[in-house]
């Protein structure tokens, strides 16, 4: 009966009631600082593969770096996270070149609760969005992986909104795509790890969700397989953790440049 009610909620109204406050509390000891998480990104069938590395700089700053082997340029996105809301309060995107140079591309800042400033090149826009708890799907749910570590009850439903740039419009506005719910299913072994398995779906994923797993011990986002693609060239979305390592900030900068071809 419960699942039927959820389906009716998803498909009849297209909305899910999101929580008013983060269901947990930030604890610095739960953050794996100076830690690299390397992921393999592809369609669910394994095609269109690329690489993503996520680096935890410190307690509230993470950076994602995406590259395709053989390319001379990669993309870096830095995120600063609020200890109070566990939302991202600033994104900074840049191109990283094989010679080590960095070219700023875009910035998004939370100027007040639900108010955002977006800078794309020379263009600046302001927007108001009603979203108390939110994550970016285009950021490969890296902020969701960060927030997950601080949930008080990982078995409880976790409701949040998805906010992202709408790349189907020019210039792309920052919008609320909708709400989703992440629901605990069971504990199981996945990719050789003891993992917590969840389903994730809702209007924020066009009701084309899927499954997501977190390592039960480390709390790392271990894997997701979601039907909705998050960028052009993809037909679905799969993200798999393939490597973890501890490294300094200097080693992280060297890591990024070493993945690019001059």
C-alpha atoms as a PDB file:
ATOM      1  CA  UNK A   1       0.000   0.000   0.000  1.00  0.00           C
ATOM      2  CA  UNK A   2       2.808   2.419   0.872  1.00  0.00           C
ATOM      3  CA  UNK A   3       4.510   1.938  -2.501  1.00  0.00           C
ATOM      4  CA  UNK A   4       1.192   2.473  -4.286  1.00  0.00           C
ATOM      5  CA  UNK A   5       0.674   5.775  -2.480  1.00  0.00           C
ATOM      6  CA  UNK A   6       4.163   6.912  -3.445  1.00  0.00           C
ATOM      7  CA  UNK A   7       3.550   6.026  -7.101  1.00  0.00           C
ATOM      8  CA  UNK A   8       0.305   7.968  -7.078  1.00  0.00           C
ATOM      9  CA  UNK A   9       2.129  10.934  -5.588  1.00  0.00           C
ATOM     10  CA  UNK A  10       4.867  10.792  -8.208  1.00  0.00           C
ATOM     11  CA  UNK A  11       2.706  10.375 -11.270  1.00  0.00           C
ATOM     12  CA  UNK A  12      -0.423  12.291 -10.385  1.00  0.00           C
ATOM     13  CA  UNK A  13       0.976  15.467  -8.841  1.00  0.00           C
ATOM     14  CA  UNK A  14       4.619  15.219  -9.926  1.00  0.00           C
ATOM     15  CA  UNK A  15       5.771  16.493  -6.526  1.00  0.00           C
ATOM     16  CA  UNK A  16       7.097  15.126  -3.258  1.00  0.00           C
ATOM     17  CA  UNK A  17       6.925  16.966   0.047  1.00  0.00           C
ATOM     18  CA  UNK A  18      10.511  17.936   0.863  1.00  0.00           C
ATOM     19  CA  UNK A  19      11.871  18.161   4.408  1.00  0.00           C
ATOM     20  CA  UNK A  20      12.026  21.587   6.035  1.00  0.00           C
ATOM     21  CA  UNK A  21      15.407  20.936   7.640  1.00  0.00           C
ATOM     22  CA  UNK A  22      18.286  18.580   6.973  1.00  0.00           C
ATOM     23  CA  UNK A  23      17.505  15.315   8.835  1.00  0.00           C
ATOM     24  CA  UNK A  24      20.823  15.173  10.617  1.00  0.00           C
ATOM     25  CA  UNK A  25      23.701  17.300  11.842  1.00  0.00           C
ATOM     26  CA  UNK A  26      27.061  18.179  10.321  1.00  0.00           C
ATOM     27  CA  UNK A  27      30.002  16.533  12.091  1.00  0.00           C
ATOM     28  CA  UNK A  28      33.489  17.325  10.841  1.00  0.00           C
ATOM     29  CA  UNK A  29      34.828  13.927  11.940  1.00  0.00           C
ATOM     30  CA  UNK A  30      32.605  12.264   9.337  1.00  0.00           C
ATOM     31  CA  UNK A  31      34.303  14.071   6.440  1.00  0.00           C
ATOM     32  CA  UNK A  32      37.252  12.215   4.809  1.00  0.00           C
ATOM     33  CA  UNK A  33      39.481  15.260   4.279  1.00  0.00           C
ATOM     34  CA  UNK A  34      42.361  15.176   1.766  1.00  0.00           C
ATOM     35  CA  UNK A  35      40.717  12.168   0.165  1.00  0.00           C
ATOM     36  CA  UNK A  36      40.317  11.292  -3.527  1.00  0.00           C
ATOM     37  CA  UNK A  37      37.337   9.311  -4.788  1.00  0.00           C
ATOM     38  CA  UNK A  38      37.731   8.273  -8.430  1.00  0.00           C
ATOM     39  CA  UNK A  39      34.640   7.262 -10.412  1.00  0.00           C
ATOM     40  CA  UNK A  40      33.873   5.756 -13.803  1.00  0.00           C
ATOM     41  CA  UNK A  41      30.928   7.436 -15.517  1.00  0.00           C
ATOM     42  CA  UNK A  42      28.968   5.888 -18.400  1.00  0.00           C
ATOM     43  CA  UNK A  43      25.569   4.891 -19.663  1.00  0.00           C
ATOM     44  CA  UNK A  44      24.071   2.014 -17.681  1.00  0.00           C
ATOM     45  CA  UNK A  45      25.228  -0.390 -20.414  1.00  0.00           C
ATOM     46  CA  UNK A  46      28.841   0.804 -19.971  1.00  0.00           C
ATOM     47  CA  UNK A  47      29.074   2.853 -23.162  1.00  0.00           C
ATOM     48  CA  UNK A  48      30.274   6.472 -23.442  1.00  0.00           C
ATOM     49  CA  UNK A  49      32.764   6.058 -20.592  1.00  0.00           C
ATOM     50  CA  UNK A  50      34.588   8.972 -18.974  1.00  0.00           C
ATOM     51  CA  UNK A  51      36.387   9.593 -15.693  1.00  0.00           C
ATOM     52  CA  UNK A  52      35.495  11.729 -12.684  1.00  0.00           C
ATOM     53  CA  UNK A  53      37.548  12.352  -9.551  1.00  0.00           C
ATOM     54  CA  UNK A  54      36.128  13.908  -6.396  1.00  0.00           C
ATOM     55  CA  UNK A  55      38.463  15.464  -3.858  1.00  0.00           C
ATOM     56  CA  UNK A  56      37.598  16.419  -0.283  1.00  0.00           C
ATOM     57  CA  UNK A  57      39.787  19.487   0.344  1.00  0.00           C
ATOM     58  CA  UNK A  58      38.638  20.059   3.910  1.00  0.00           C
ATOM     59  CA  UNK A  59      35.533  19.816   6.065  1.00  0.00           C
ATOM     60  CA  UNK A  60      33.268  21.912   3.819  1.00  0.00           C
ATOM     61  CA  UNK A  61      34.964  22.111   0.416  1.00  0.00           C
ATOM     62  CA  UNK A  62      34.891  19.461  -2.302  1.00  0.00           C
ATOM     63  CA  UNK A  63      36.020  19.535  -5.933  1.00  0.00           C
ATOM     64  CA  UNK A  64      35.021  17.369  -8.876  1.00  0.00           C
ATOM     65  CA  UNK A  65      37.300  16.948 -11.888  1.00  0.00           C
ATOM     66  CA  UNK A  66      36.060  15.364 -15.098  1.00  0.00           C
ATOM     67  CA  UNK A  67      38.242  14.334 -18.004  1.00  0.00           C
ATOM     68  CA  UNK A  68      38.319  12.010 -20.991  1.00  0.00           C
ATOM     69  CA  UNK A  69      41.641  10.202 -21.578  1.00  0.00           C
ATOM     70  CA  UNK A  70      43.501  11.736 -24.519  1.00  0.00           C
ATOM     71  CA  UNK A  71      42.017  15.209 -24.122  1.00  0.00           C
ATOM     72  CA  UNK A  72      44.036  18.316 -23.343  1.00  0.00           C
ATOM     73  CA  UNK A  73      41.310  19.926 -21.246  1.00  0.00           C
ATOM     74  CA  UNK A  74      39.286  18.830 -18.261  1.00  0.00           C
ATOM     75  CA  UNK A  75      36.532  20.448 -16.208  1.00  0.00           C
ATOM     76  CA  UNK A  76      36.786  21.321 -12.536  1.00  0.00           C
ATOM     77  CA  UNK A  77      33.875  22.277 -10.252  1.00  0.00           C
ATOM     78  CA  UNK A  78      34.558  23.471  -6.709  1.00  0.00           C
ATOM     79  CA  UNK A  79      31.731  23.415  -4.188  1.00  0.00           C
ATOM     80  CA  UNK A  80      31.507  25.058  -0.768  1.00  0.00           C
ATOM     81  CA  UNK A  81      28.890  23.501   1.510  1.00  0.00           C
ATOM     82  CA  UNK A  82      26.950  25.007   4.409  1.00  0.00           C
ATOM     83  CA  UNK A  83      27.478  23.249   7.747  1.00  0.00           C
ATOM     84  CA  UNK A  84      23.945  24.314   8.729  1.00  0.00           C
ATOM     85  CA  UNK A  85      21.874  23.229   5.715  1.00  0.00           C
ATOM     86  CA  UNK A  86      24.298  20.796   3.998  1.00  0.00           C
ATOM     87  CA  UNK A  87      23.415  22.600   0.735  1.00  0.00           C
ATOM     88  CA  UNK A  88      26.034  23.930  -1.661  1.00  0.00           C
ATOM     89  CA  UNK A  89      26.363  27.690  -1.125  1.00  0.00           C
ATOM     90  CA  UNK A  90      28.890  28.286  -3.909  1.00  0.00           C
ATOM     91  CA  UNK A  91      29.896  26.550  -7.134  1.00  0.00           C
ATOM     92  CA  UNK A  92      32.910  27.622  -9.208  1.00  0.00           C
ATOM     93  CA  UNK A  93      33.474  25.922 -12.563  1.00  0.00           C
ATOM     94  CA  UNK A  94      36.668  26.155 -14.601  1.00  0.00           C
ATOM     95  CA  UNK A  95      38.572  24.506 -17.426  1.00  0.00           C
ATOM     96  CA  UNK A  96      41.866  22.861 -16.452  1.00  0.00           C
ATOM     97  CA  UNK A  97      44.460  22.745 -19.220  1.00  0.00           C
ATOM     98  CA  UNK A  98      47.273  20.264 -19.763  1.00  0.00           C
ATOM     99  CA  UNK A  99      49.864  22.979 -19.050  1.00  0.00           C
ATOM    100  CA  UNK A 100      48.349  23.526 -15.607  1.00  0.00           C
ATOM    101  CA  UNK A 101      46.523  26.755 -16.419  1.00  0.00           C
ATOM    102  CA  UNK A 102      42.986  27.279 -15.149  1.00  0.00           C
ATOM    103  CA  UNK A 103      40.293  29.201 -17.038  1.00  0.00           C
ATOM    104  CA  UNK A 104      37.260  30.284 -14.946  1.00  0.00           C
ATOM    105  CA  UNK A 105      33.947  29.516 -16.649  1.00  0.00           C
ATOM    106  CA  UNK A 106      31.037  30.038 -14.259  1.00  0.00           C
ATOM    107  CA  UNK A 107      30.079  30.746 -10.671  1.00  0.00           C
ATOM    108  CA  UNK A 108      26.911  30.234  -8.658  1.00  0.00           C
ATOM    109  CA  UNK A 109      26.412  31.652  -5.173  1.00  0.00           C
ATOM    110  CA  UNK A 110      23.625  31.493  -2.627  1.00  0.00           C
ATOM    111  CA  UNK A 111      23.147  35.149  -1.702  1.00  0.00           C
ATOM    112  CA  UNK A 112      20.356  34.418   0.794  1.00  0.00           C
ATOM    113  CA  UNK A 113      18.128  31.416   1.536  1.00  0.00           C
ATOM    114  CA  UNK A 114      16.449  30.425  -1.783  1.00  0.00           C
ATOM    115  CA  UNK A 115      18.179  33.314  -3.631  1.00  0.00           C
ATOM    116  CA  UNK A 116      20.986  32.578  -6.106  1.00  0.00           C
ATOM    117  CA  UNK A 117      23.396  34.620  -8.204  1.00  0.00           C
ATOM    118  CA  UNK A 118      24.671  33.005 -11.418  1.00  0.00           C
ATOM    119  CA  UNK A 119      27.607  34.285 -13.462  1.00  0.00           C
ATOM    120  CA  UNK A 120      28.221  32.764 -16.896  1.00  0.00           C
ATOM    121  CA  UNK A 121      31.053  34.603 -18.602  1.00  0.00           C
ATOM    122  CA  UNK A 122      30.080  38.276 -18.608  1.00  0.00           C
ATOM    123  CA  UNK A 123      26.424  37.588 -17.842  1.00  0.00           C
ATOM    124  CA  UNK A 124      25.026  37.793 -14.309  1.00  0.00           C
ATOM    125  CA  UNK A 125      21.528  36.746 -13.281  1.00  0.00           C
ATOM    126  CA  UNK A 126      19.602  36.478 -10.011  1.00  0.00           C
ATOM    127  CA  UNK A 127      16.911  33.900  -9.323  1.00  0.00           C
ATOM    128  CA  UNK A 128      14.692  32.820  -6.431  1.00  0.00           C
ATOM    129  CA  UNK A 129      13.921  29.117  -6.027  1.00  0.00           C
ATOM    130  CA  UNK A 130      11.832  27.449  -3.343  1.00  0.00           C
ATOM    131  CA  UNK A 131      14.099  24.615  -2.247  1.00  0.00           C
ATOM    132  CA  UNK A 132      15.078  24.099   1.381  1.00  0.00           C
ATOM    133  CA  UNK A 133      17.183  20.974   0.741  1.00  0.00           C
ATOM    134  CA  UNK A 134      18.664  20.480  -2.709  1.00  0.00           C
ATOM    135  CA  UNK A 135      21.387  18.759  -4.713  1.00  0.00           C
ATOM    136  CA  UNK A 136      22.763  19.039  -8.223  1.00  0.00           C
ATOM    137  CA  UNK A 137      22.363  16.034 -10.515  1.00  0.00           C
ATOM    138  CA  UNK A 138      24.777  17.640 -12.984  1.00  0.00           C
ATOM    139  CA  UNK A 139      27.361  17.570 -10.150  1.00  0.00           C
ATOM    140  CA  UNK A 140      26.976  13.766 -10.224  1.00  0.00           C
ATOM    141  CA  UNK A 141      25.264  13.897  -6.842  1.00  0.00           C
ATOM    142  CA  UNK A 142      28.618  14.700  -5.194  1.00  0.00           C
ATOM    143  CA  UNK A 143      26.863  16.988  -2.703  1.00  0.00           C
ATOM    144  CA  UNK A 144      24.370  14.189  -1.967  1.00  0.00           C
ATOM    145  CA  UNK A 145      27.320  11.924  -1.203  1.00  0.00           C
ATOM    146  CA  UNK A 146      28.650  14.600   1.156  1.00  0.00           C
ATOM    147  CA  UNK A 147      25.306  15.093   2.907  1.00  0.00           C
ATOM    148  CA  UNK A 148      24.632  11.363   3.236  1.00  0.00           C
ATOM    149  CA  UNK A 149      27.474  11.053   5.765  1.00  0.00           C
ATOM    150  CA  UNK A 150      25.561  13.281   8.168  1.00  0.00           C
ATOM    151  CA  UNK A 151      22.072  11.725   8.091  1.00  0.00           C
ATOM    152  CA  UNK A 152      20.773  10.830  11.544  1.00  0.00           C
ATOM    153  CA  UNK A 153      18.765   7.874  10.263  1.00  0.00           C
ATOM    154  CA  UNK A 154      20.022   6.437   6.942  1.00  0.00           C
ATOM    155  CA  UNK A 155      16.996   4.118   6.834  1.00  0.00           C
ATOM    156  CA  UNK A 156      14.496   6.983   6.742  1.00  0.00           C
ATOM    157  CA  UNK A 157      13.241   8.476   3.472  1.00  0.00           C
ATOM    158  CA  UNK A 158      15.403  11.405   2.347  1.00  0.00           C
ATOM    159  CA  UNK A 159      13.500  14.024   0.342  1.00  0.00           C
ATOM    160  CA  UNK A 160      15.192  16.856  -1.538  1.00  0.00           C
ATOM    161  CA  UNK A 161      14.965  19.039  -4.644  1.00  0.00           C
ATOM    162  CA  UNK A 162      17.175  18.978  -7.718  1.00  0.00           C
ATOM    163  CA  UNK A 163      18.476  22.371  -8.872  1.00  0.00           C
ATOM    164  CA  UNK A 164      20.618  22.712 -11.983  1.00  0.00           C
ATOM    165  CA  UNK A 165      21.276  24.839 -15.031  1.00  0.00           C
ATOM    166  CA  UNK A 166      18.800  24.074 -17.812  1.00  0.00           C
ATOM    167  CA  UNK A 167      21.188  23.409 -20.699  1.00  0.00           C
ATOM    168  CA  UNK A 168      18.298  23.193 -23.181  1.00  0.00           C
ATOM    169  CA  UNK A 169      17.966  26.990 -23.052  1.00  0.00           C
ATOM    170  CA  UNK A 170      20.363  29.770 -24.028  1.00  0.00           C
ATOM    171  CA  UNK A 171      21.584  31.269 -21.834  1.00  0.00           C
ATOM    172  CA  UNK A 172      20.901  28.383 -19.439  1.00  0.00           C
ATOM    173  CA  UNK A 173      18.873  29.479 -16.375  1.00  0.00           C
ATOM    174  CA  UNK A 174      19.353  27.955 -12.928  1.00  0.00           C
ATOM    175  CA  UNK A 175      16.050  26.220 -12.166  1.00  0.00           C
ATOM    176  CA  UNK A 176      14.324  23.754  -9.888  1.00  0.00           C
ATOM    177  CA  UNK A 177      13.769  20.546 -11.848  1.00  0.00           C
ATOM    178  CA  UNK A 178      11.584  19.065  -9.110  1.00  0.00           C
ATOM    179  CA  UNK A 179      11.659  16.947  -5.980  1.00  0.00           C
ATOM    180  CA  UNK A 180      12.845  13.385  -5.431  1.00  0.00           C
ATOM    181  CA  UNK A 181      12.796  10.821  -2.660  1.00  0.00           C
ATOM    182  CA  UNK A 182      15.613   8.440  -1.787  1.00  0.00           C
ATOM    183  CA  UNK A 183      14.188   5.360  -0.051  1.00  0.00           C
ATOM    184  CA  UNK A 184      16.135   2.662   1.794  1.00  0.00           C
ATOM    185  CA  UNK A 185      15.593  -0.827   0.372  1.00  0.00           C
ATOM    186  CA  UNK A 186      18.089  -3.174   2.023  1.00  0.00           C
ATOM    187  CA  UNK A 187      21.689  -3.877   2.967  1.00  0.00           C
ATOM    188  CA  UNK A 188      23.579  -5.975   0.432  1.00  0.00           C
ATOM    189  CA  UNK A 189      27.015  -6.654  -1.017  1.00  0.00           C
ATOM    190  CA  UNK A 190      27.723  -4.414  -4.022  1.00  0.00           C
ATOM    191  CA  UNK A 191      31.037  -4.111  -5.868  1.00  0.00           C
ATOM    192  CA  UNK A 192      32.559  -6.255  -3.133  1.00  0.00           C
ATOM    193  CA  UNK A 193      31.466  -3.850  -0.361  1.00  0.00           C
ATOM    194  CA  UNK A 194      28.778  -4.006   2.287  1.00  0.00           C
ATOM    195  CA  UNK A 195      26.382  -1.386   0.977  1.00  0.00           C
ATOM    196  CA  UNK A 196      23.117   0.383   1.785  1.00  0.00           C
ATOM    197  CA  UNK A 197      20.803   0.175  -1.230  1.00  0.00           C
ATOM    198  CA  UNK A 198      18.228   2.870  -2.018  1.00  0.00           C
ATOM    199  CA  UNK A 199      15.809   3.631  -4.794  1.00  0.00           C
ATOM    200  CA  UNK A 200      15.733   7.238  -5.975  1.00  0.00           C
ATOM    201  CA  UNK A 201      12.982   8.790  -8.077  1.00  0.00           C
ATOM    202  CA  UNK A 202      10.641  11.720  -8.527  1.00  0.00           C
ATOM    203  CA  UNK A 203       9.727  14.600 -10.800  1.00  0.00           C
ATOM    204  CA  UNK A 204      13.240  16.038 -10.355  1.00  0.00           C
ATOM    205  CA  UNK A 205      14.496  13.029 -12.321  1.00  0.00           C
ATOM    206  CA  UNK A 206      11.557  13.120 -14.779  1.00  0.00           C
ATOM    207  CA  UNK A 207      10.299   9.979 -12.990  1.00  0.00           C
ATOM    208  CA  UNK A 208      13.220   8.172 -14.661  1.00  0.00           C
ATOM    209  CA  UNK A 209      15.131   7.325 -11.513  1.00  0.00           C
ATOM    210  CA  UNK A 210      16.839   4.157 -10.449  1.00  0.00           C
ATOM    211  CA  UNK A 211      19.073   2.818  -7.681  1.00  0.00           C
ATOM    212  CA  UNK A 212      21.895   4.208  -5.592  1.00  0.00           C
ATOM    213  CA  UNK A 213      24.291   2.502  -3.147  1.00  0.00           C
ATOM    214  CA  UNK A 214      26.516   3.855  -0.360  1.00  0.00           C
ATOM    215  CA  UNK A 215      29.392   2.010   1.287  1.00  0.00           C
ATOM    216  CA  UNK A 216      28.101   1.051   4.748  1.00  0.00           C
ATOM    217  CA  UNK A 217      31.504   1.522   6.394  1.00  0.00           C
ATOM    218  CA  UNK A 218      33.117   4.509   4.653  1.00  0.00           C
ATOM    219  CA  UNK A 219      29.782   6.166   3.690  1.00  0.00           C
ATOM    220  CA  UNK A 220      31.200   6.905   0.218  1.00  0.00           C
ATOM    221  CA  UNK A 221      28.741   7.084  -2.665  1.00  0.00           C
ATOM    222  CA  UNK A 222      29.547   3.705  -4.187  1.00  0.00           C
ATOM    223  CA  UNK A 223      27.348   3.420  -7.277  1.00  0.00           C
ATOM    224  CA  UNK A 224      24.233   4.736  -8.932  1.00  0.00           C
ATOM    225  CA  UNK A 225      22.319   3.604 -11.992  1.00  0.00           C
ATOM    226  CA  UNK A 226      19.683   6.118 -13.076  1.00  0.00           C
ATOM    227  CA  UNK A 227      17.616   6.069 -16.252  1.00  0.00           C
ATOM    228  CA  UNK A 228      17.681   9.830 -16.788  1.00  0.00           C
ATOM    229  CA  UNK A 229      20.906  11.071 -18.452  1.00  0.00           C
ATOM    230  CA  UNK A 230      22.502  14.211 -17.029  1.00  0.00           C
ATOM    231  CA  UNK A 231      24.237  15.527 -20.159  1.00  0.00           C
ATOM    232  CA  UNK A 232      24.239  15.383 -23.915  1.00  0.00           C
ATOM    233  CA  UNK A 233      25.559  12.197 -25.492  1.00  0.00           C
ATOM    234  CA  UNK A 234      24.192   9.969 -22.734  1.00  0.00           C
ATOM    235  CA  UNK A 235      21.040   7.845 -22.750  1.00  0.00           C
ATOM    236  CA  UNK A 236      21.197   7.005 -19.026  1.00  0.00           C
ATOM    237  CA  UNK A 237      23.627   7.537 -16.155  1.00  0.00           C
ATOM    238  CA  UNK A 238      25.899   5.166 -14.244  1.00  0.00           C
ATOM    239  CA  UNK A 239      28.571   6.230 -11.741  1.00  0.00           C
ATOM    240  CA  UNK A 240      30.859   3.627 -10.123  1.00  0.00           C
ATOM    241  CA  UNK A 241      33.542   4.183  -7.494  1.00  0.00           C
ATOM    242  CA  UNK A 242      36.769   2.555  -8.714  1.00  0.00           C
ATOM    243  CA  UNK A 243      39.491   3.990  -6.457  1.00  0.00           C
ATOM    244  CA  UNK A 244      40.078   5.852  -3.201  1.00  0.00           C
ATOM    245  CA  UNK A 245      43.298   7.456  -2.031  1.00  0.00           C
ATOM    246  CA  UNK A 246      44.660   9.960   0.466  1.00  0.00           C
ATOM    247  CA  UNK A 247      46.594  12.864  -1.037  1.00  0.00           C
ATOM    248  CA  UNK A 248      47.660  16.410  -0.261  1.00  0.00           C
ATOM    249  CA  UNK A 249      46.265  19.477  -2.027  1.00  0.00           C
ATOM    250  CA  UNK A 250      49.512  19.711  -4.028  1.00  0.00           C
ATOM    251  CA  UNK A 251      49.232  16.084  -5.109  1.00  0.00           C
ATOM    252  CA  UNK A 252      45.613  16.719  -6.135  1.00  0.00           C
ATOM    253  CA  UNK A 253      46.676  19.559  -8.439  1.00  0.00           C
ATOM    254  CA  UNK A 254      49.350  17.314  -9.954  1.00  0.00           C
ATOM    255  CA  UNK A 255      46.820  14.509 -10.347  1.00  0.00           C
ATOM    256  CA  UNK A 256      44.508  16.691 -12.443  1.00  0.00           C
ATOM    257  CA  UNK A 257      47.216  17.866 -14.834  1.00  0.00           C
ATOM    258  CA  UNK A 258      48.670  14.340 -15.159  1.00  0.00           C
ATOM    259  CA  UNK A 259      45.345  13.069 -16.559  1.00  0.00           C
ATOM    260  CA  UNK A 260      45.470  15.492 -19.492  1.00  0.00           C
ATOM    261  CA  UNK A 261      47.381  15.082 -22.755  1.00  0.00           C
ATOM    262  CA  UNK A 262      49.647  17.924 -23.851  1.00  0.00           C
END
